[in-house]
Every structure is written in structure tokens, then in C-alpha cells.
Amino acid sequence: MRAVSDLVVLDEPAVQQRLHYQDLIPAIADALAALSSGKVVQPVRSVLPVAPHHGFFAVMPAYAGALGAKLVTFYPKNVGVHTHHALIVMFRPETGEPVAVMDGRLITEMRTAAASAVATQRLARADTKVLAILGSGVQAKSHLAALRTSVHSKKCACGVPGMLRRSPSGMV
């Protein structure tokens, strides 16, 4: 019998040391293909309003050979702390035993950007010279990092509509 002390726990710095776009983007491409071909069981997320605190709590389970769930909170009015927090919990599919708990905020941030990078790789013209990221903040920064590793354009413009800033020397 396994002890709970065998549970792997990765905080955000430990996730950051292990998760890199050059590995994540191809893994996300494979995951999207598996989902599209029906090899993944992924029900619609359940969302619980936390109305007194203007927040939401969501549960997103999935099984694709690996078994896990993302538990995520969204508090859009947070100031001085992230609006999204998450944990990813992984289980041994044969027995249901928990095997890992990971900070999911950075995983979510990077996974979202990696999925966009996969779409950009598949849909952008081969001769694309300029990319634009409309938006700002955490997602703009992570999308720029992901696209930098996966798309061969010469320049990238980032910002919110009406306030577009361009990087004349390329993707920064």
C-alpha cells in the first residue's frame, strides 16, 4: 500500500523548472489530436459560483490513459494577486490512487499559449512575416513566449486594440 508521503507535490517554481514550450507545444498538438479523434473522455467543466466573494470554482476532469483533474478558481476582482489559481491532481488510472498535485496556474497559462501556438503553426501562411497579439497581461506575455519558440515570423506586435505597440527588432 502506498503512503500519502509518496505523493509528488510541485509548486509553481518546480513546475516552471520542468515545463518548457519546446516540449509542451508538441504535447498539446498530440493532446488536441487525441481529443478530436475521440480518445479522450473530458466532460464539460462544472462551475460553482462563489457569489459572496465574486468568484468561481471549476472542476475539469479528464481521462486519456492518464487520469486527472484541474481545480481552478477565478476571482476577476482580485488586486495584487492573480485572478486565476489552480491545482492539477493526477491519479493512477488502474487504482485511483493520487500520484501528484501540481500548481496549475502556470500550467494553465502555458497550456493556453501552447494551444494557440499549435493553431498558429497549422493555420498561418508559411510566408507570414508579422504576428499580432491583441491583448495584454499574463496571456499576451505567455503567447509571445510560445509563439517565439514555434513560429518563424520576423516581427510581432502586442497590445490592446487602439494601443498597439510593435517590436521593430522582432519578437521580444
Foldseek 3Di string as FASTA:
>chain_A
DDDPVQAAEAEPVNVVVPDDLVVLLVVLVVVVVCVVVPQKDKDDKDWDAPVVQQKIWIWTWMDRPWTKIKIKMARPPDDPDDRMWIKIWTANVVPRHTHYIYTCPVVVLLNVLSVVLNVCLVPPDLQAAEEEAADDDSNQVNNLRNNVVRHDHQWYWYYHPPDIDTDPRHRD
